[in-house]
Amino acid sequence: MQTLATAEQRAAAHQLLELIGGSWATQAIGVAARLGLADHVASGVMQVVNLVKVCDCDADALHRLLRGLAALGVLGLDGHGQCRLTTTGDLLRRDAALGLSSHAQWWSPQAWGGWSDLMGSVRTATDFHSLLLAAGFSVRHVLLAGGSFSVIEARILPAGEVKAITG
């Protein structure tokens, strides 16, 4: 029986643990977008103590969020409580050319519901995209997730949804 893990096994275990706990990253990025952190940092509010004030947050809790975002590479955080945006974090600015702030704000609360019954979907062969629709996602978002719809399904959708798909 092998008692010590190899370096390759330890690296694989670290990678798997990161993947298992990955849902926190979705939530952290969503909260950062809702708080407008990227916009505040881009406008010059870079000290954690000042971000606490403009975001109306608990100092310790916001600092933990910022450390998590730094670990994800969304922002940089130095030992003096100074934040800076990374290229990734810059995409959370509301005025960014390829801005993803709205998507992060929309997706982070949706992520829980949309994936919560994956086990049931796998066991019963219920189409995942149908589950998304049942959970209240729009057809446009389901299509963006890779779903497809038949003509019959398109006929039962509200006209605005069909137009968004085809136009």
N, C-alpha and C. Protein backbone atom coordinates (compact mmCIF):
# COMPACT_ATOMS: atom_id res chain seq x y z
N MET A 1 0.84 -1.19 0.00
CA MET A 1 0.00 0.00 0.00
C MET A 1 0.89 1.25 0.00
N GLN A 2 0.57 2.16 -0.92
CA GLN A 2 1.33 3.40 -1.03
C GLN A 2 0.81 4.39 0.01
N THR A 3 1.69 4.96 0.82
CA THR A 3 1.25 5.88 1.86
C THR A 3 1.55 7.33 1.52
N LEU A 4 2.50 7.59 0.67
CA LEU A 4 2.84 8.96 0.31
C LEU A 4 2.42 9.23 -1.13
N ALA A 5 1.78 10.34 -1.33
CA ALA A 5 1.36 10.71 -2.68
C ALA A 5 2.55 11.27 -3.46
N THR A 6 2.53 11.02 -4.74
CA THR A 6 3.56 11.58 -5.61
C THR A 6 3.27 13.04 -5.86
N ALA A 7 4.24 13.75 -6.38
CA ALA A 7 4.03 15.16 -6.72
C ALA A 7 2.91 15.31 -7.74
N GLU A 8 2.84 14.38 -8.70
CA GLU A 8 1.78 14.43 -9.71
C GLU A 8 0.41 14.21 -9.07
N GLN A 9 0.30 13.29 -8.12
CA GLN A 9 -0.96 13.05 -7.44
C GLN A 9 -1.38 14.25 -6.59
N ARG A 10 -0.41 14.87 -5.92
CA ARG A 10 -0.73 16.06 -5.12
C ARG A 10 -1.21 17.20 -6.00
N ALA A 11 -0.57 17.38 -7.15
CA ALA A 11 -1.00 18.43 -8.09
C ALA A 11 -2.41 18.14 -8.61
N ALA A 12 -2.67 16.88 -8.92
CA ALA A 12 -4.00 16.50 -9.40
C ALA A 12 -5.05 16.70 -8.32
N ALA A 13 -4.71 16.36 -7.08
CA ALA A 13 -5.64 16.56 -5.96
C ALA A 13 -5.93 18.05 -5.76
N HIS A 14 -4.90 18.88 -5.86
CA HIS A 14 -5.08 20.33 -5.74
C HIS A 14 -6.01 20.84 -6.83
N GLN A 15 -5.78 20.39 -8.06
CA GLN A 15 -6.63 20.81 -9.18
C GLN A 15 -8.08 20.37 -8.96
N LEU A 16 -8.29 19.14 -8.51
CA LEU A 16 -9.65 18.65 -8.29
C LEU A 16 -10.33 19.41 -7.16
N LEU A 17 -9.61 19.71 -6.10
CA LEU A 17 -10.20 20.49 -5.01
C LEU A 17 -10.62 21.87 -5.49
N GLU A 18 -9.80 22.48 -6.35
CA GLU A 18 -10.17 23.78 -6.92
C GLU A 18 -11.45 23.67 -7.73
N LEU A 19 -11.56 22.62 -8.51
CA LEU A 19 -12.77 22.43 -9.33
C LEU A 19 -13.99 22.15 -8.46
N ILE A 20 -13.83 21.34 -7.43
CA ILE A 20 -14.95 21.03 -6.54
C ILE A 20 -15.48 22.29 -5.87
N GLY A 21 -14.60 23.14 -5.45
CA GLY A 21 -15.00 24.37 -4.75
C GLY A 21 -15.22 25.55 -5.66
N GLY A 22 -15.28 25.34 -6.96
CA GLY A 22 -15.34 26.44 -7.92
C GLY A 22 -16.57 27.32 -7.87
N SER A 23 -17.66 26.86 -7.27
CA SER A 23 -18.87 27.68 -7.26
C SER A 23 -18.69 28.97 -6.47
N TRP A 24 -17.76 28.97 -5.52
CA TRP A 24 -17.53 30.20 -4.77
C TRP A 24 -17.02 31.30 -5.68
N ALA A 25 -16.26 30.93 -6.71
CA ALA A 25 -15.71 31.93 -7.62
C ALA A 25 -16.82 32.63 -8.38
N THR A 26 -17.81 31.88 -8.84
CA THR A 26 -18.96 32.48 -9.54
C THR A 26 -19.66 33.48 -8.63
N GLN A 27 -19.87 33.09 -7.38
CA GLN A 27 -20.56 33.98 -6.45
C GLN A 27 -19.71 35.21 -6.12
N ALA A 28 -18.41 35.03 -5.91
CA ALA A 28 -17.53 36.16 -5.59
C ALA A 28 -17.50 37.18 -6.73
N ILE A 29 -17.40 36.69 -7.95
CA ILE A 29 -17.38 37.59 -9.11
C ILE A 29 -18.72 38.28 -9.27
N GLY A 30 -19.81 37.57 -9.05
CA GLY A 30 -21.14 38.18 -9.13
C GLY A 30 -21.33 39.28 -8.10
N VAL A 31 -20.88 39.03 -6.88
CA VAL A 31 -20.99 40.05 -5.82
C VAL A 31 -20.12 41.26 -6.17
N ALA A 32 -18.91 41.01 -6.66
CA ALA A 32 -18.04 42.12 -7.06
C ALA A 32 -18.72 42.97 -8.13
N ALA A 33 -19.37 42.32 -9.09
CA ALA A 33 -20.07 43.07 -10.15
C ALA A 33 -21.24 43.86 -9.58
N ARG A 34 -22.02 43.25 -8.69
CA ARG A 34 -23.17 43.96 -8.11
C ARG A 34 -22.72 45.14 -7.25
N LEU A 35 -21.58 45.00 -6.59
CA LEU A 35 -21.05 46.11 -5.78
C LEU A 35 -20.40 47.19 -6.64
N GLY A 36 -20.13 46.88 -7.90
CA GLY A 36 -19.45 47.85 -8.77
C GLY A 36 -17.99 48.03 -8.41
N LEU A 37 -17.36 47.00 -7.84
CA LEU A 37 -15.97 47.13 -7.39
C LEU A 37 -15.04 47.58 -8.51
N ALA A 38 -15.17 47.00 -9.69
CA ALA A 38 -14.28 47.37 -10.79
C ALA A 38 -14.44 48.84 -11.15
N ASP A 39 -15.68 49.31 -11.15
CA ASP A 39 -15.91 50.73 -11.46
C ASP A 39 -15.30 51.64 -10.40
N HIS A 40 -15.45 51.24 -9.13
CA HIS A 40 -14.87 52.05 -8.05
C HIS A 40 -13.35 52.09 -8.14
N VAL A 41 -12.73 50.93 -8.34
CA VAL A 41 -11.27 50.89 -8.43
C VAL A 41 -10.79 51.68 -9.65
N ALA A 42 -11.49 51.52 -10.77
CA ALA A 42 -11.10 52.25 -11.99
C ALA A 42 -11.23 53.76 -11.81
N SER A 43 -12.17 54.19 -10.95
CA SER A 43 -12.36 55.63 -10.73
C SER A 43 -11.40 56.21 -9.70
N GLY A 44 -10.55 55.34 -9.12
CA GLY A 44 -9.55 55.83 -8.19
C GLY A 44 -9.77 55.43 -6.75
N VAL A 45 -10.87 54.80 -6.44
CA VAL A 45 -11.11 54.32 -5.07
C VAL A 45 -10.41 52.97 -4.96
N MET A 46 -9.15 53.01 -4.51
CA MET A 46 -8.33 51.81 -4.56
C MET A 46 -7.97 51.26 -3.18
N GLN A 47 -8.13 52.04 -2.15
CA GLN A 47 -7.84 51.58 -0.79
C GLN A 47 -9.05 50.81 -0.25
N VAL A 48 -8.77 49.68 0.40
CA VAL A 48 -9.85 48.85 0.95
C VAL A 48 -10.74 49.67 1.88
N VAL A 49 -10.14 50.50 2.73
CA VAL A 49 -10.94 51.28 3.69
C VAL A 49 -11.93 52.20 2.97
N ASN A 50 -11.54 52.72 1.81
CA ASN A 50 -12.44 53.58 1.05
C ASN A 50 -13.49 52.77 0.30
N LEU A 51 -13.10 51.59 -0.19
CA LEU A 51 -14.07 50.71 -0.85
C LEU A 51 -15.15 50.28 0.12
N VAL A 52 -14.79 50.05 1.37
CA VAL A 52 -15.76 49.70 2.40
C VAL A 52 -16.84 50.76 2.48
N LYS A 53 -16.42 52.02 2.44
CA LYS A 53 -17.37 53.13 2.55
C LYS A 53 -18.26 53.24 1.32
N VAL A 54 -17.67 53.24 0.13
CA VAL A 54 -18.47 53.45 -1.08
C VAL A 54 -19.37 52.26 -1.39
N CYS A 55 -18.97 51.08 -0.94
CA CYS A 55 -19.78 49.88 -1.19
C CYS A 55 -20.73 49.58 -0.05
N ASP A 56 -20.59 50.31 1.07
CA ASP A 56 -21.43 50.11 2.25
C ASP A 56 -21.38 48.66 2.71
N CYS A 57 -20.16 48.20 2.98
CA CYS A 57 -19.94 46.80 3.37
C CYS A 57 -19.20 46.72 4.70
N ASP A 58 -19.24 45.55 5.30
CA ASP A 58 -18.44 45.26 6.48
C ASP A 58 -16.98 45.17 6.04
N ALA A 59 -16.10 45.79 6.80
CA ALA A 59 -14.68 45.87 6.41
C ALA A 59 -14.03 44.49 6.30
N ASP A 60 -14.22 43.65 7.31
CA ASP A 60 -13.58 42.32 7.27
C ASP A 60 -14.15 41.46 6.15
N ALA A 61 -15.46 41.51 5.97
CA ALA A 61 -16.09 40.69 4.92
C ALA A 61 -15.64 41.15 3.53
N LEU A 62 -15.58 42.46 3.31
CA LEU A 62 -15.14 42.96 2.01
C LEU A 62 -13.68 42.59 1.77
N HIS A 63 -12.87 42.69 2.80
CA HIS A 63 -11.46 42.34 2.65
C HIS A 63 -11.31 40.86 2.28
N ARG A 64 -12.11 39.98 2.87
CA ARG A 64 -12.08 38.56 2.50
C ARG A 64 -12.49 38.37 1.05
N LEU A 65 -13.54 39.10 0.62
CA LEU A 65 -13.97 39.02 -0.78
C LEU A 65 -12.84 39.48 -1.71
N LEU A 66 -12.20 40.57 -1.37
CA LEU A 66 -11.11 41.10 -2.20
C LEU A 66 -9.94 40.12 -2.27
N ARG A 67 -9.62 39.47 -1.16
CA ARG A 67 -8.56 38.46 -1.18
C ARG A 67 -8.95 37.29 -2.09
N GLY A 68 -10.21 36.89 -2.05
CA GLY A 68 -10.67 35.83 -2.95
C GLY A 68 -10.58 36.25 -4.40
N LEU A 69 -10.98 37.47 -4.69
CA LEU A 69 -10.91 37.98 -6.06
C LEU A 69 -9.46 38.09 -6.52
N ALA A 70 -8.57 38.43 -5.59
CA ALA A 70 -7.14 38.48 -5.93
C ALA A 70 -6.63 37.07 -6.24
N ALA A 71 -7.08 36.09 -5.48
CA ALA A 71 -6.66 34.70 -5.74
C ALA A 71 -7.15 34.23 -7.11
N LEU A 72 -8.28 34.75 -7.55
CA LEU A 72 -8.83 34.40 -8.87
C LEU A 72 -8.19 35.19 -10.00
N GLY A 73 -7.40 36.20 -9.67
CA GLY A 73 -6.77 37.02 -10.69
C GLY A 73 -7.66 38.13 -11.22
N VAL A 74 -8.73 38.42 -10.49
CA VAL A 74 -9.65 39.49 -10.92
C VAL A 74 -9.08 40.86 -10.55
N LEU A 75 -8.37 40.92 -9.45
CA LEU A 75 -7.73 42.17 -9.05
C LEU A 75 -6.45 41.85 -8.30
N GLY A 76 -5.64 42.86 -8.14
CA GLY A 76 -4.45 42.74 -7.33
C GLY A 76 -4.70 43.42 -5.99
N LEU A 77 -4.15 42.88 -4.94
CA LEU A 77 -4.33 43.44 -3.60
C LEU A 77 -2.98 43.35 -2.90
N ASP A 78 -2.42 44.51 -2.54
CA ASP A 78 -1.12 44.48 -1.88
C ASP A 78 -1.26 44.47 -0.37
N GLY A 79 -0.17 44.38 0.32
CA GLY A 79 -0.16 44.30 1.77
C GLY A 79 -0.56 45.58 2.48
N HIS A 80 -0.72 46.66 1.73
CA HIS A 80 -1.12 47.95 2.31
C HIS A 80 -2.59 48.25 2.07
N GLY A 81 -3.35 47.27 1.58
CA GLY A 81 -4.77 47.48 1.35
C GLY A 81 -5.09 48.25 0.08
N GLN A 82 -4.18 48.22 -0.86
CA GLN A 82 -4.36 48.92 -2.15
C GLN A 82 -4.78 47.90 -3.21
N CYS A 83 -5.85 48.20 -3.93
CA CYS A 83 -6.35 47.33 -5.00
C CYS A 83 -5.97 47.90 -6.36
N ARG A 84 -5.82 47.00 -7.31
CA ARG A 84 -5.67 47.41 -8.71
C ARG A 84 -6.39 46.37 -9.55
N LEU A 85 -6.96 46.81 -10.65
CA LEU A 85 -7.64 45.90 -11.55
C LEU A 85 -6.64 45.15 -12.42
N THR A 86 -6.92 43.91 -12.67
CA THR A 86 -6.18 43.15 -13.66
C THR A 86 -6.92 43.28 -14.98
N THR A 87 -6.38 42.75 -16.03
CA THR A 87 -7.07 42.75 -17.32
C THR A 87 -8.41 42.02 -17.20
N THR A 88 -8.42 40.93 -16.45
CA THR A 88 -9.66 40.18 -16.22
C THR A 88 -10.66 41.03 -15.44
N GLY A 89 -10.22 41.64 -14.36
CA GLY A 89 -11.10 42.47 -13.54
C GLY A 89 -11.63 43.67 -14.29
N ASP A 90 -10.85 44.18 -15.22
CA ASP A 90 -11.27 45.33 -16.01
C ASP A 90 -12.55 45.01 -16.80
N LEU A 91 -12.76 43.75 -17.13
CA LEU A 91 -13.97 43.35 -17.86
C LEU A 91 -15.23 43.46 -17.03
N LEU A 92 -15.09 43.66 -15.72
CA LEU A 92 -16.26 43.85 -14.85
C LEU A 92 -16.68 45.31 -14.75
N ARG A 93 -15.93 46.21 -15.40
CA ARG A 93 -16.37 47.61 -15.44
C ARG A 93 -17.62 47.70 -16.31
N ARG A 94 -18.56 48.50 -15.88
CA ARG A 94 -19.81 48.63 -16.63
C ARG A 94 -19.61 49.26 -18.00
N ASP A 95 -18.53 50.05 -18.16
CA ASP A 95 -18.30 50.72 -19.44
C ASP A 95 -17.21 50.03 -20.26
N ALA A 96 -16.79 48.85 -19.88
CA ALA A 96 -15.73 48.14 -20.62
C ALA A 96 -16.25 47.71 -21.99
N ALA A 97 -15.39 47.78 -22.98
CA ALA A 97 -15.78 47.41 -24.35
C ALA A 97 -16.30 45.98 -24.41
N LEU A 98 -15.66 45.07 -23.72
CA LEU A 98 -16.12 43.67 -23.66
C LEU A 98 -16.65 43.38 -22.26
N GLY A 99 -17.37 44.33 -21.71
CA GLY A 99 -17.83 44.23 -20.33
C GLY A 99 -18.70 43.02 -20.05
N LEU A 100 -18.40 42.36 -18.93
CA LEU A 100 -19.16 41.19 -18.52
C LEU A 100 -19.83 41.39 -17.16
N SER A 101 -19.91 42.63 -16.71
CA SER A 101 -20.52 42.92 -15.42
C SER A 101 -21.97 42.46 -15.37
N SER A 102 -22.74 42.81 -16.38
CA SER A 102 -24.16 42.42 -16.39
C SER A 102 -24.31 40.91 -16.40
N HIS A 103 -23.48 40.23 -17.18
CA HIS A 103 -23.55 38.78 -17.23
C HIS A 103 -23.21 38.18 -15.87
N ALA A 104 -22.18 38.69 -15.21
CA ALA A 104 -21.81 38.18 -13.88
C ALA A 104 -22.92 38.40 -12.88
N GLN A 105 -23.55 39.57 -12.95
CA GLN A 105 -24.65 39.87 -12.04
C GLN A 105 -25.84 38.96 -12.29
N TRP A 106 -26.11 38.68 -13.56
CA TRP A 106 -27.24 37.82 -13.91
C TRP A 106 -26.93 36.36 -13.59
N TRP A 107 -25.76 35.88 -13.97
CA TRP A 107 -25.46 34.46 -13.88
C TRP A 107 -25.23 33.97 -12.46
N SER A 108 -24.59 34.77 -11.60
CA SER A 108 -24.20 34.24 -10.29
C SER A 108 -25.38 33.73 -9.47
N PRO A 109 -26.51 34.43 -9.39
CA PRO A 109 -27.63 33.82 -8.64
C PRO A 109 -28.30 32.69 -9.43
N GLN A 110 -28.24 32.74 -10.76
CA GLN A 110 -28.87 31.70 -11.58
C GLN A 110 -28.11 30.39 -11.52
N ALA A 111 -26.81 30.48 -11.31
CA ALA A 111 -25.96 29.29 -11.38
C ALA A 111 -26.41 28.22 -10.40
N TRP A 112 -26.88 28.62 -9.24
CA TRP A 112 -27.31 27.63 -8.25
C TRP A 112 -28.49 26.83 -8.77
N GLY A 113 -29.53 27.53 -9.21
CA GLY A 113 -30.75 26.84 -9.63
C GLY A 113 -30.58 26.01 -10.89
N GLY A 114 -29.89 26.56 -11.86
CA GLY A 114 -29.76 25.88 -13.14
C GLY A 114 -29.01 24.57 -13.07
N TRP A 115 -28.09 24.45 -12.14
CA TRP A 115 -27.26 23.25 -12.03
C TRP A 115 -27.65 22.38 -10.84
N SER A 116 -28.63 22.81 -10.06
CA SER A 116 -28.92 22.11 -8.81
C SER A 116 -29.45 20.69 -8.98
N ASP A 117 -30.08 20.39 -10.12
CA ASP A 117 -30.60 19.04 -10.30
C ASP A 117 -29.89 18.31 -11.44
N LEU A 118 -28.62 18.53 -11.59
CA LEU A 118 -27.87 17.82 -12.62
C LEU A 118 -27.92 16.32 -12.38
N MET A 119 -27.88 15.90 -11.12
CA MET A 119 -27.96 14.47 -10.82
C MET A 119 -29.27 13.89 -11.36
N GLY A 120 -30.37 14.57 -11.15
CA GLY A 120 -31.65 14.10 -11.67
C GLY A 120 -31.66 14.07 -13.18
N SER A 121 -31.05 15.06 -13.80
CA SER A 121 -30.99 15.11 -15.25
C SER A 121 -30.17 13.93 -15.80
N VAL A 122 -29.07 13.64 -15.16
CA VAL A 122 -28.23 12.53 -15.60
C VAL A 122 -28.93 11.19 -15.40
N ARG A 123 -29.63 11.06 -14.28
CA ARG A 123 -30.30 9.79 -13.99
C ARG A 123 -31.53 9.56 -14.85
N THR A 124 -32.26 10.61 -15.20
CA THR A 124 -33.54 10.45 -15.90
C THR A 124 -33.48 10.83 -17.37
N ALA A 125 -32.35 11.32 -17.83
CA ALA A 125 -32.17 11.77 -19.21
C ALA A 125 -33.04 12.98 -19.54
N THR A 126 -33.45 13.73 -18.52
CA THR A 126 -34.18 14.97 -18.76
C THR A 126 -33.20 15.96 -19.37
N ASP A 127 -33.59 16.54 -20.48
CA ASP A 127 -32.73 17.48 -21.19
C ASP A 127 -32.39 18.65 -20.28
N PHE A 128 -31.10 18.94 -20.13
CA PHE A 128 -30.66 20.02 -19.26
C PHE A 128 -31.24 21.36 -19.68
N HIS A 129 -31.35 21.59 -20.97
CA HIS A 129 -31.87 22.87 -21.45
C HIS A 129 -33.35 23.01 -21.10
N SER A 130 -34.09 21.92 -21.06
CA SER A 130 -35.48 21.96 -20.61
C SER A 130 -35.54 22.32 -19.13
N LEU A 131 -34.59 21.80 -18.37
CA LEU A 131 -34.53 22.16 -16.95
C LEU A 131 -34.26 23.65 -16.78
N LEU A 132 -33.40 24.20 -17.62
CA LEU A 132 -33.13 25.63 -17.55
C LEU A 132 -34.39 26.44 -17.83
N LEU A 133 -35.15 26.03 -18.85
CA LEU A 133 -36.40 26.72 -19.16
C LEU A 133 -37.38 26.61 -18.00
N ALA A 134 -37.49 25.43 -17.43
CA ALA A 134 -38.40 25.23 -16.30
C ALA A 134 -37.99 26.07 -15.10
N ALA A 135 -36.69 26.34 -14.98
CA ALA A 135 -36.19 27.16 -13.88
C ALA A 135 -36.37 28.64 -14.14
N GLY A 136 -36.90 29.01 -15.30
CA GLY A 136 -37.18 30.41 -15.59
C GLY A 136 -36.18 31.11 -16.47
N PHE A 137 -35.22 30.39 -17.02
CA PHE A 137 -34.27 31.01 -17.94
C PHE A 137 -34.98 31.34 -19.25
N SER A 138 -34.54 32.37 -19.93
CA SER A 138 -35.13 32.71 -21.21
C SER A 138 -34.56 31.80 -22.30
N VAL A 139 -35.28 31.69 -23.39
CA VAL A 139 -34.82 30.88 -24.51
C VAL A 139 -33.49 31.40 -25.02
N ARG A 140 -33.32 32.70 -25.06
CA ARG A 140 -32.07 33.28 -25.54
C ARG A 140 -30.90 32.76 -24.72
N HIS A 141 -31.04 32.73 -23.39
CA HIS A 141 -29.95 32.26 -22.55
C HIS A 141 -29.73 30.76 -22.71
N VAL A 142 -30.81 30.01 -22.93
CA VAL A 142 -30.65 28.58 -23.14
C VAL A 142 -29.91 28.34 -24.45
N LEU A 143 -30.23 29.12 -25.48
CA LEU A 143 -29.53 28.98 -26.75
C LEU A 143 -28.06 29.34 -26.60
N LEU A 144 -27.77 30.36 -25.81
CA LEU A 144 -26.38 30.73 -25.56
C LEU A 144 -25.64 29.60 -24.83
N ALA A 145 -26.39 28.80 -24.07
CA ALA A 145 -25.78 27.68 -23.36
C ALA A 145 -25.65 26.45 -24.26
N GLY A 146 -26.03 26.57 -25.52
CA GLY A 146 -25.86 25.46 -26.45
C GLY A 146 -27.11 24.68 -26.73
N GLY A 147 -28.25 25.14 -26.27
CA GLY A 147 -29.51 24.42 -26.49
C GLY A 147 -30.05 24.68 -27.88
N SER A 148 -30.99 23.86 -28.29
CA SER A 148 -31.66 24.07 -29.56
C SER A 148 -33.14 23.77 -29.38
N PHE A 149 -33.97 24.34 -30.25
CA PHE A 149 -35.41 24.19 -30.11
C PHE A 149 -36.03 23.85 -31.44
N SER A 150 -37.09 23.07 -31.38
CA SER A 150 -37.81 22.68 -32.58
C SER A 150 -38.81 23.77 -32.94
N VAL A 151 -39.41 23.65 -34.12
CA VAL A 151 -40.44 24.59 -34.56
C VAL A 151 -41.62 24.56 -33.60
N ILE A 152 -41.99 23.38 -33.12
CA ILE A 152 -43.11 23.27 -32.19
C ILE A 152 -42.82 24.06 -30.92
N GLU A 153 -41.62 23.93 -30.39
CA GLU A 153 -41.27 24.68 -29.18
C GLU A 153 -41.28 26.17 -29.47
N ALA A 154 -40.84 26.59 -30.63
CA ALA A 154 -40.84 28.01 -30.98
C ALA A 154 -42.25 28.56 -31.05
N ARG A 155 -43.21 27.74 -31.46
CA ARG A 155 -44.60 28.20 -31.57
C ARG A 155 -45.22 28.47 -30.21
N ILE A 156 -44.78 27.80 -29.16
CA ILE A 156 -45.39 28.01 -27.85
C ILE A 156 -44.69 29.11 -27.05
N LEU A 157 -43.64 29.69 -27.61
CA LEU A 157 -42.92 30.74 -26.91
C LEU A 157 -43.56 32.10 -27.17
N PRO A 158 -43.44 33.02 -26.23
CA PRO A 158 -43.92 34.38 -26.48
C PRO A 158 -43.23 34.96 -27.69
N ALA A 159 -43.93 35.80 -28.42
CA ALA A 159 -43.41 36.36 -29.67
C ALA A 159 -42.06 37.05 -29.50
N GLY A 160 -41.87 37.75 -28.42
CA GLY A 160 -40.60 38.43 -28.18
C GLY A 160 -39.45 37.47 -28.05
N GLU A 161 -39.70 36.32 -27.46
CA GLU A 161 -38.64 35.30 -27.33
C GLU A 161 -38.26 34.74 -28.69
N VAL A 162 -39.27 34.46 -29.52
CA VAL A 162 -38.99 33.90 -30.85
C VAL A 162 -38.24 34.91 -31.68
N LYS A 163 -38.64 36.18 -31.62
CA LYS A 163 -37.96 37.21 -32.38
C LYS A 163 -36.50 37.34 -31.94
N ALA A 164 -36.26 37.21 -30.62
CA ALA A 164 -34.88 37.30 -30.10
C ALA A 164 -34.04 36.16 -30.63
N ILE A 165 -34.65 35.01 -30.84
CA ILE A 165 -33.91 33.86 -31.34
C ILE A 165 -33.57 34.03 -32.81
N THR A 166 -34.58 34.44 -33.58
CA THR A 166 -34.40 34.49 -35.04
C THR A 166 -33.85 35.81 -35.52
N GLY A 167 -34.05 36.86 -34.78
CA GLY A 167 -33.65 38.16 -35.27
C GLY A 167 -32.56 38.69 -34.48
